[in-house]
């Protein structure tokens, strides 16, 4: 697994839960070797920087590239090479370029294994709202995220657990316009990892120093506790001392 920088490790001494880099790194751990992966705009874009050692993951961007690499150095920068979020990228050896229509044929044809997206809201059933608040001045249409959640095999969400005002983003029902219904498989927040299952939302990991009760107080729906008592005790001992998550083996992500 790629190592966080010294500065990122220092940040864990003052922050609550994982920072954005750590959230992306944690998500990257769950992407299997040989997967074809699409990354959404924002924190999900960072996932490409944390492919675990010895694992090959092929990244797709819907504007027409299979084999997207990391952000470029000054020497590698090419103004004509960008991702769907208009950010500069690199292309790995063997990468291929294609028409926008062909790119969406890959998505709609169920050829992409994993998509990592951000979220405004996620419901207990796995409904996703990530494109509009419904405000009159909001963007007029949903865009490619609608195709991604409908056509990609597994959907991971990376999001802050609450809004800037402290409101829960994980709710019984989404109140914003939906991107897709019952599409989310797993949620990675700054506080924990949650699986969406037929029985409800199962908390399977906690960020260092975070308790189940702390997460529950900031969640708009009752969570099932997938951690053992031993897991929670171990997590309490890692406050400000490690960026490693406490994981449970009781539950697996819904496939």
C-alpha atoms as a PDB file:
ATOM      1  CA  UNK A   1       0.000   0.000   0.000  1.00  0.00           C
ATOM      2  CA  UNK A   2       1.279   3.444  -0.884  1.00  0.00           C
ATOM      3  CA  UNK A   3       2.449   5.395   2.144  1.00  0.00           C
ATOM      4  CA  UNK A   4       1.008   8.732   3.188  1.00  0.00           C
ATOM      5  CA  UNK A   5       3.452  11.600   3.367  1.00  0.00           C
ATOM      6  CA  UNK A   6       4.889  12.786   6.665  1.00  0.00           C
ATOM      7  CA  UNK A   7       2.724  15.914   6.467  1.00  0.00           C
ATOM      8  CA  UNK A   8      -0.425  13.818   6.032  1.00  0.00           C
ATOM      9  CA  UNK A   9       0.528  11.722   9.051  1.00  0.00           C
ATOM     10  CA  UNK A  10       0.999  14.890  11.108  1.00  0.00           C
ATOM     11  CA  UNK A  11      -2.507  15.984  10.164  1.00  0.00           C
ATOM     12  CA  UNK A  12      -3.969  12.938  11.923  1.00  0.00           C
ATOM     13  CA  UNK A  13      -2.844  14.387  15.275  1.00  0.00           C
ATOM     14  CA  UNK A  14      -5.364  17.222  15.036  1.00  0.00           C
ATOM     15  CA  UNK A  15      -8.092  16.082  12.650  1.00  0.00           C
ATOM     16  CA  UNK A  16     -11.166  14.018  13.494  1.00  0.00           C
ATOM     17  CA  UNK A  17     -11.267  10.878  11.369  1.00  0.00           C
ATOM     18  CA  UNK A  18      -9.631  10.516   7.967  1.00  0.00           C
ATOM     19  CA  UNK A  19      -8.626  13.420   5.746  1.00  0.00           C
ATOM     20  CA  UNK A  20      -9.372  13.407   2.031  1.00  0.00           C
ATOM     21  CA  UNK A  21      -6.138  11.663   1.089  1.00  0.00           C
ATOM     22  CA  UNK A  22      -6.757   8.912   3.636  1.00  0.00           C
ATOM     23  CA  UNK A  23     -10.350   8.435   2.486  1.00  0.00           C
ATOM     24  CA  UNK A  24      -9.107   7.948  -1.077  1.00  0.00           C
ATOM     25  CA  UNK A  25      -6.351   5.615   0.082  1.00  0.00           C
ATOM     26  CA  UNK A  26      -8.802   3.527   2.082  1.00  0.00           C
ATOM     27  CA  UNK A  27     -11.107   3.163  -0.909  1.00  0.00           C
ATOM     28  CA  UNK A  28      -8.196   2.162  -3.155  1.00  0.00           C
ATOM     29  CA  UNK A  29      -7.471  -0.805  -0.881  1.00  0.00           C
ATOM     30  CA  UNK A  30     -10.802  -2.398  -1.858  1.00  0.00           C
ATOM     31  CA  UNK A  31     -10.355  -2.208  -5.622  1.00  0.00           C
ATOM     32  CA  UNK A  32      -9.262  -5.620  -6.854  1.00  0.00           C
ATOM     33  CA  UNK A  33      -6.297  -6.333  -9.092  1.00  0.00           C
ATOM     34  CA  UNK A  34      -7.178  -6.113 -12.775  1.00  0.00           C
ATOM     35  CA  UNK A  35     -10.253  -3.919 -12.269  1.00  0.00           C
ATOM     36  CA  UNK A  36     -11.447  -1.321 -14.759  1.00  0.00           C
ATOM     37  CA  UNK A  37     -12.384   1.741 -12.722  1.00  0.00           C
ATOM     38  CA  UNK A  38     -14.043   5.098 -13.369  1.00  0.00           C
ATOM     39  CA  UNK A  39     -13.337   7.922 -10.928  1.00  0.00           C
ATOM     40  CA  UNK A  40     -15.718  10.812 -10.299  1.00  0.00           C
ATOM     41  CA  UNK A  41     -14.773  14.444  -9.769  1.00  0.00           C
ATOM     42  CA  UNK A  42     -13.318  15.608  -6.441  1.00  0.00           C
ATOM     43  CA  UNK A  43     -12.025  13.246  -3.756  1.00  0.00           C
ATOM     44  CA  UNK A  44     -12.613  10.168  -5.978  1.00  0.00           C
ATOM     45  CA  UNK A  45      -9.954  11.470  -8.391  1.00  0.00           C
ATOM     46  CA  UNK A  46      -7.360  10.979  -5.649  1.00  0.00           C
ATOM     47  CA  UNK A  47      -7.954   7.206  -5.570  1.00  0.00           C
ATOM     48  CA  UNK A  48      -5.679   6.753  -8.599  1.00  0.00           C
ATOM     49  CA  UNK A  49      -2.711   7.921  -6.493  1.00  0.00           C
ATOM     50  CA  UNK A  50      -3.078   5.073  -3.994  1.00  0.00           C
ATOM     51  CA  UNK A  51      -3.080   1.827  -5.941  1.00  0.00           C
ATOM     52  CA  UNK A  52      -1.605  -0.752  -3.527  1.00  0.00           C
ATOM     53  CA  UNK A  53       1.833  -2.078  -4.431  1.00  0.00           C
ATOM     54  CA  UNK A  54       1.738  -5.062  -6.769  1.00  0.00           C
ATOM     55  CA  UNK A  55      -1.812  -4.362  -7.939  1.00  0.00           C
ATOM     56  CA  UNK A  56      -2.780  -3.236 -11.446  1.00  0.00           C
ATOM     57  CA  UNK A  57      -5.891  -1.090 -11.828  1.00  0.00           C
ATOM     58  CA  UNK A  58      -6.919   0.412 -15.175  1.00  0.00           C
ATOM     59  CA  UNK A  59      -8.616   3.790 -14.861  1.00  0.00           C
ATOM     60  CA  UNK A  60     -11.238   5.000 -17.329  1.00  0.00           C
ATOM     61  CA  UNK A  61     -12.373   8.566 -17.891  1.00  0.00           C
ATOM     62  CA  UNK A  62     -15.604   9.129 -19.802  1.00  0.00           C
ATOM     63  CA  UNK A  63     -14.181  11.774 -22.118  1.00  0.00           C
ATOM     64  CA  UNK A  64     -12.348   8.973 -23.930  1.00  0.00           C
ATOM     65  CA  UNK A  65      -9.303   7.410 -22.253  1.00  0.00           C
ATOM     66  CA  UNK A  66      -8.671   3.952 -20.837  1.00  0.00           C
ATOM     67  CA  UNK A  67      -5.385   3.880 -18.945  1.00  0.00           C
ATOM     68  CA  UNK A  68      -5.477   7.168 -17.047  1.00  0.00           C
ATOM     69  CA  UNK A  69      -2.441   7.784 -14.859  1.00  0.00           C
ATOM     70  CA  UNK A  70      -1.624  10.118 -11.979  1.00  0.00           C
ATOM     71  CA  UNK A  71      -1.494  13.895 -12.067  1.00  0.00           C
ATOM     72  CA  UNK A  72       1.456  15.027 -14.199  1.00  0.00           C
ATOM     73  CA  UNK A  73       4.681  16.577 -13.028  1.00  0.00           C
ATOM     74  CA  UNK A  74       5.728  19.855 -14.624  1.00  0.00           C
ATOM     75  CA  UNK A  75       7.770  17.879 -17.157  1.00  0.00           C
ATOM     76  CA  UNK A  76       4.856  15.541 -17.991  1.00  0.00           C
ATOM     77  CA  UNK A  77       2.167  18.219 -18.303  1.00  0.00           C
ATOM     78  CA  UNK A  78       0.198  18.113 -21.560  1.00  0.00           C
ATOM     79  CA  UNK A  79      -2.588  20.686 -21.943  1.00  0.00           C
ATOM     80  CA  UNK A  80      -4.433  18.352 -24.332  1.00  0.00           C
ATOM     81  CA  UNK A  81      -4.587  15.494 -21.812  1.00  0.00           C
ATOM     82  CA  UNK A  82      -7.367  15.982 -19.238  1.00  0.00           C
ATOM     83  CA  UNK A  83      -9.964  13.913 -17.420  1.00  0.00           C
ATOM     84  CA  UNK A  84     -13.733  14.434 -17.342  1.00  0.00           C
ATOM     85  CA  UNK A  85     -13.254  16.995 -14.580  1.00  0.00           C
ATOM     86  CA  UNK A  86     -10.941  19.036 -16.848  1.00  0.00           C
ATOM     87  CA  UNK A  87      -7.910  18.281 -14.680  1.00  0.00           C
ATOM     88  CA  UNK A  88      -4.516  17.468 -16.154  1.00  0.00           C
ATOM     89  CA  UNK A  89      -3.652  13.758 -16.168  1.00  0.00           C
ATOM     90  CA  UNK A  90      -1.121  11.335 -17.615  1.00  0.00           C
ATOM     91  CA  UNK A  91      -1.644   8.199 -19.687  1.00  0.00           C
ATOM     92  CA  UNK A  92       0.002   4.924 -18.719  1.00  0.00           C
ATOM     93  CA  UNK A  93       1.879   2.782 -21.290  1.00  0.00           C
ATOM     94  CA  UNK A  94      -0.683   0.928 -23.406  1.00  0.00           C
ATOM     95  CA  UNK A  95      -3.448   3.477 -22.805  1.00  0.00           C
ATOM     96  CA  UNK A  96      -6.079   3.872 -25.512  1.00  0.00           C
ATOM     97  CA  UNK A  97      -8.090   6.859 -26.738  1.00  0.00           C
ATOM     98  CA  UNK A  98     -11.580   6.677 -28.215  1.00  0.00           C
ATOM     99  CA  UNK A  99     -14.723   8.603 -29.059  1.00  0.00           C
ATOM    100  CA  UNK A 100     -16.970   9.908 -26.287  1.00  0.00           C
ATOM    101  CA  UNK A 101     -19.761   7.659 -27.597  1.00  0.00           C
ATOM    102  CA  UNK A 102     -17.546   4.572 -27.368  1.00  0.00           C
ATOM    103  CA  UNK A 103     -16.620   5.555 -23.825  1.00  0.00           C
ATOM    104  CA  UNK A 104     -20.265   5.561 -22.781  1.00  0.00           C
ATOM    105  CA  UNK A 105     -20.826   2.266 -24.588  1.00  0.00           C
ATOM    106  CA  UNK A 106     -18.251   0.785 -22.206  1.00  0.00           C
ATOM    107  CA  UNK A 107     -20.143   2.266 -19.257  1.00  0.00           C
ATOM    108  CA  UNK A 108     -23.649   1.346 -20.391  1.00  0.00           C
ATOM    109  CA  UNK A 109     -22.506  -2.077 -21.550  1.00  0.00           C
ATOM    110  CA  UNK A 110     -21.471  -3.111 -18.018  1.00  0.00           C
ATOM    111  CA  UNK A 111     -17.774  -3.300 -18.937  1.00  0.00           C
ATOM    112  CA  UNK A 112     -16.507  -1.075 -16.086  1.00  0.00           C
ATOM    113  CA  UNK A 113     -16.022  -2.932 -12.791  1.00  0.00           C
ATOM    114  CA  UNK A 114     -16.018  -0.118 -10.237  1.00  0.00           C
ATOM    115  CA  UNK A 115     -17.040   3.526 -10.166  1.00  0.00           C
ATOM    116  CA  UNK A 116     -16.054   5.844  -7.310  1.00  0.00           C
ATOM    117  CA  UNK A 117     -18.273   8.912  -6.938  1.00  0.00           C
ATOM    118  CA  UNK A 118     -18.945  11.733  -4.515  1.00  0.00           C
ATOM    119  CA  UNK A 119     -22.344  12.323  -2.932  1.00  0.00           C
ATOM    120  CA  UNK A 120     -24.632  14.999  -1.599  1.00  0.00           C
ATOM    121  CA  UNK A 121     -26.922  12.387  -0.036  1.00  0.00           C
ATOM    122  CA  UNK A 122     -27.168   8.594   0.209  1.00  0.00           C
ATOM    123  CA  UNK A 123     -30.270   6.783   1.437  1.00  0.00           C
ATOM    124  CA  UNK A 124     -30.437   3.656   3.579  1.00  0.00           C
ATOM    125  CA  UNK A 125     -31.488   1.734   0.451  1.00  0.00           C
ATOM    126  CA  UNK A 126     -28.463   2.885  -1.515  1.00  0.00           C
ATOM    127  CA  UNK A 127     -30.194   5.652  -3.471  1.00  0.00           C
ATOM    128  CA  UNK A 128     -27.719   8.321  -4.580  1.00  0.00           C
ATOM    129  CA  UNK A 129     -28.136  12.077  -5.019  1.00  0.00           C
ATOM    130  CA  UNK A 130     -24.957  13.740  -6.250  1.00  0.00           C
ATOM    131  CA  UNK A 131     -25.783  16.251  -8.966  1.00  0.00           C
ATOM    132  CA  UNK A 132     -28.276  18.843  -7.699  1.00  0.00           C
ATOM    133  CA  UNK A 133     -29.821  20.261  -4.539  1.00  0.00           C
ATOM    134  CA  UNK A 134     -32.976  21.045  -6.463  1.00  0.00           C
ATOM    135  CA  UNK A 135     -32.365  24.787  -6.204  1.00  0.00           C
ATOM    136  CA  UNK A 136     -33.712  26.963  -9.008  1.00  0.00           C
ATOM    137  CA  UNK A 137     -30.188  27.987 -10.029  1.00  0.00           C
ATOM    138  CA  UNK A 138     -28.807  24.428  -9.961  1.00  0.00           C
ATOM    139  CA  UNK A 139     -27.336  22.759 -13.033  1.00  0.00           C
ATOM    140  CA  UNK A 140     -30.107  21.721 -15.447  1.00  0.00           C
ATOM    141  CA  UNK A 141     -29.365  18.017 -15.969  1.00  0.00           C
ATOM    142  CA  UNK A 142     -27.790  15.034 -14.269  1.00  0.00           C
ATOM    143  CA  UNK A 143     -24.970  14.270 -16.733  1.00  0.00           C
ATOM    144  CA  UNK A 144     -22.868  11.118 -17.012  1.00  0.00           C
ATOM    145  CA  UNK A 145     -23.240  10.036 -13.386  1.00  0.00           C
ATOM    146  CA  UNK A 146     -26.670   8.660 -14.306  1.00  0.00           C
ATOM    147  CA  UNK A 147     -25.069   6.309 -16.836  1.00  0.00           C
ATOM    148  CA  UNK A 148     -22.303   5.323 -14.435  1.00  0.00           C
ATOM    149  CA  UNK A 149     -24.585   4.245 -11.588  1.00  0.00           C
ATOM    150  CA  UNK A 150     -26.808   2.318 -14.011  1.00  0.00           C
ATOM    151  CA  UNK A 151     -24.074   0.577 -15.989  1.00  0.00           C
ATOM    152  CA  UNK A 152     -21.084  -0.003 -13.687  1.00  0.00           C
ATOM    153  CA  UNK A 153     -20.990  -3.224 -11.663  1.00  0.00           C
ATOM    154  CA  UNK A 154     -19.987  -1.773  -8.266  1.00  0.00           C
ATOM    155  CA  UNK A 155     -20.539   1.760  -6.969  1.00  0.00           C
ATOM    156  CA  UNK A 156     -18.367   3.164  -4.172  1.00  0.00           C
ATOM    157  CA  UNK A 157     -19.097   6.556  -2.622  1.00  0.00           C
ATOM    158  CA  UNK A 158     -16.506   8.821  -0.977  1.00  0.00           C
ATOM    159  CA  UNK A 159     -18.009  11.685   0.995  1.00  0.00           C
ATOM    160  CA  UNK A 160     -17.739  13.727   4.144  1.00  0.00           C
ATOM    161  CA  UNK A 161     -20.086  12.161   6.693  1.00  0.00           C
ATOM    162  CA  UNK A 162     -21.980  15.421   7.236  1.00  0.00           C
ATOM    163  CA  UNK A 163     -22.439  18.732   5.465  1.00  0.00           C
ATOM    164  CA  UNK A 164     -20.433  21.814   6.421  1.00  0.00           C
ATOM    165  CA  UNK A 165     -23.340  22.736   8.695  1.00  0.00           C
ATOM    166  CA  UNK A 166     -23.283  19.350  10.428  1.00  0.00           C
ATOM    167  CA  UNK A 167     -26.380  17.907   8.747  1.00  0.00           C
ATOM    168  CA  UNK A 168     -26.419  14.172   8.040  1.00  0.00           C
ATOM    169  CA  UNK A 169     -25.770  13.113   4.446  1.00  0.00           C
ATOM    170  CA  UNK A 170     -26.777   9.481   5.047  1.00  0.00           C
ATOM    171  CA  UNK A 171     -30.556   9.491   5.380  1.00  0.00           C
ATOM    172  CA  UNK A 172     -33.701   7.318   5.330  1.00  0.00           C
ATOM    173  CA  UNK A 173     -34.607   8.904   1.967  1.00  0.00           C
ATOM    174  CA  UNK A 174     -32.772  11.378  -0.249  1.00  0.00           C
ATOM    175  CA  UNK A 175     -34.435  14.781  -0.428  1.00  0.00           C
ATOM    176  CA  UNK A 176     -32.387  15.964  -3.414  1.00  0.00           C
ATOM    177  CA  UNK A 177     -33.020  14.817  -7.018  1.00  0.00           C
ATOM    178  CA  UNK A 178     -31.743  11.266  -7.488  1.00  0.00           C
ATOM    179  CA  UNK A 179     -28.866  10.127  -9.643  1.00  0.00           C
ATOM    180  CA  UNK A 180     -29.947   6.497  -9.261  1.00  0.00           C
ATOM    181  CA  UNK A 181     -32.048   4.217  -7.073  1.00  0.00           C
ATOM    182  CA  UNK A 182     -30.516   1.410  -4.977  1.00  0.00           C
ATOM    183  CA  UNK A 183     -27.169   1.702  -6.730  1.00  0.00           C
ATOM    184  CA  UNK A 184     -24.623   2.276  -3.929  1.00  0.00           C
ATOM    185  CA  UNK A 185     -22.630  -0.694  -2.616  1.00  0.00           C
ATOM    186  CA  UNK A 186     -20.280   0.943  -0.112  1.00  0.00           C
ATOM    187  CA  UNK A 187     -19.766   4.354   1.504  1.00  0.00           C
ATOM    188  CA  UNK A 188     -16.361   5.702   2.586  1.00  0.00           C
ATOM    189  CA  UNK A 189     -16.682   8.744   4.823  1.00  0.00           C
ATOM    190  CA  UNK A 190     -14.190  10.645   6.938  1.00  0.00           C
ATOM    191  CA  UNK A 191     -15.474   8.692   9.959  1.00  0.00           C
ATOM    192  CA  UNK A 192     -16.052   5.128   8.787  1.00  0.00           C
ATOM    193  CA  UNK A 193     -16.832   2.605   6.068  1.00  0.00           C
ATOM    194  CA  UNK A 194     -20.438   1.475   5.613  1.00  0.00           C
ATOM    195  CA  UNK A 195     -21.815  -1.352   3.491  1.00  0.00           C
ATOM    196  CA  UNK A 196     -25.256  -1.087   1.917  1.00  0.00           C
ATOM    197  CA  UNK A 197     -26.964  -4.448   2.428  1.00  0.00           C
ATOM    198  CA  UNK A 198     -30.453  -5.903   2.102  1.00  0.00           C
ATOM    199  CA  UNK A 199     -30.690  -5.779   5.906  1.00  0.00           C
ATOM    200  CA  UNK A 200     -29.688  -2.126   6.194  1.00  0.00           C
ATOM    201  CA  UNK A 201     -26.540  -0.036   6.505  1.00  0.00           C
ATOM    202  CA  UNK A 202     -23.737  -1.966   8.191  1.00  0.00           C
ATOM    203  CA  UNK A 203     -20.789  -0.083   9.691  1.00  0.00           C
ATOM    204  CA  UNK A 204     -17.763  -2.294   9.025  1.00  0.00           C
ATOM    205  CA  UNK A 205     -14.853   0.047   9.831  1.00  0.00           C
ATOM    206  CA  UNK A 206     -14.075   3.052  11.970  1.00  0.00           C
ATOM    207  CA  UNK A 207     -11.462   5.717  11.404  1.00  0.00           C
ATOM    208  CA  UNK A 208      -8.897   5.900  14.227  1.00  0.00           C
ATOM    209  CA  UNK A 209     -10.302   7.342  17.436  1.00  0.00           C
ATOM    210  CA  UNK A 210     -13.923   7.251  16.224  1.00  0.00           C
ATOM    211  CA  UNK A 211     -16.577   5.245  18.083  1.00  0.00           C
ATOM    212  CA  UNK A 212     -19.741   3.648  16.733  1.00  0.00           C
ATOM    213  CA  UNK A 213     -21.870   5.995  18.851  1.00  0.00           C
ATOM    214  CA  UNK A 214     -20.034   9.033  17.472  1.00  0.00           C
ATOM    215  CA  UNK A 215     -20.873   7.942  13.924  1.00  0.00           C
ATOM    216  CA  UNK A 216     -24.462   7.063  14.788  1.00  0.00           C
ATOM    217  CA  UNK A 217     -25.087  10.540  16.219  1.00  0.00           C
ATOM    218  CA  UNK A 218     -24.070  12.021  12.867  1.00  0.00           C
ATOM    219  CA  UNK A 219     -26.077   9.621  10.706  1.00  0.00           C
ATOM    220  CA  UNK A 220     -29.725  10.131   9.796  1.00  0.00           C
ATOM    221  CA  UNK A 221     -30.639   6.452   9.924  1.00  0.00           C
ATOM    222  CA  UNK A 222     -29.973   3.611  12.364  1.00  0.00           C
ATOM    223  CA  UNK A 223     -26.771   1.720  11.567  1.00  0.00           C
ATOM    224  CA  UNK A 224     -26.066  -1.946  12.129  1.00  0.00           C
ATOM    225  CA  UNK A 225     -22.822  -2.466  14.030  1.00  0.00           C
ATOM    226  CA  UNK A 226     -20.580  -4.819  12.090  1.00  0.00           C
ATOM    227  CA  UNK A 227     -17.703  -4.405  14.546  1.00  0.00           C
ATOM    228  CA  UNK A 228     -16.948  -6.724  17.416  1.00  0.00           C
ATOM    229  CA  UNK A 229     -16.262  -5.376  20.903  1.00  0.00           C
ATOM    230  CA  UNK A 230     -12.617  -6.280  20.331  1.00  0.00           C
ATOM    231  CA  UNK A 231     -12.589  -4.109  17.188  1.00  0.00           C
ATOM    232  CA  UNK A 232     -13.951  -1.085  19.057  1.00  0.00           C
ATOM    233  CA  UNK A 233     -11.508  -1.433  21.948  1.00  0.00           C
ATOM    234  CA  UNK A 234      -8.620  -1.677  19.472  1.00  0.00           C
ATOM    235  CA  UNK A 235      -9.836   1.442  17.709  1.00  0.00           C
ATOM    236  CA  UNK A 236      -9.992   3.463  20.914  1.00  0.00           C
ATOM    237  CA  UNK A 237      -6.321   2.695  21.473  1.00  0.00           C
ATOM    238  CA  UNK A 238      -5.313   4.100  18.077  1.00  0.00           C
ATOM    239  CA  UNK A 239      -6.347   7.706  18.715  1.00  0.00           C
ATOM    240  CA  UNK A 240      -3.816  10.011  16.989  1.00  0.00           C
ATOM    241  CA  UNK A 241      -1.298   7.194  16.681  1.00  0.00           C
ATOM    242  CA  UNK A 242      -2.032   5.574  13.325  1.00  0.00           C
ATOM    243  CA  UNK A 243      -3.810   6.162  10.055  1.00  0.00           C
ATOM    244  CA  UNK A 244      -4.764   2.489   9.771  1.00  0.00           C
ATOM    245  CA  UNK A 245      -8.482   1.672   9.989  1.00  0.00           C
ATOM    246  CA  UNK A 246     -10.009  -0.904  12.300  1.00  0.00           C
ATOM    247  CA  UNK A 247     -11.711  -3.444  10.078  1.00  0.00           C
ATOM    248  CA  UNK A 248     -14.371  -6.084  10.628  1.00  0.00           C
ATOM    249  CA  UNK A 249     -14.441  -9.452   8.856  1.00  0.00           C
ATOM    250  CA  UNK A 250     -18.078 -10.157   9.694  1.00  0.00           C
ATOM    251  CA  UNK A 251     -19.548  -8.562   6.588  1.00  0.00           C
ATOM    252  CA  UNK A 252     -18.530  -8.297   2.972  1.00  0.00           C
ATOM    253  CA  UNK A 253     -19.518  -5.617   0.491  1.00  0.00           C
ATOM    254  CA  UNK A 254     -22.614  -6.314  -1.564  1.00  0.00           C
ATOM    255  CA  UNK A 255     -21.602  -7.330  -5.080  1.00  0.00           C
END
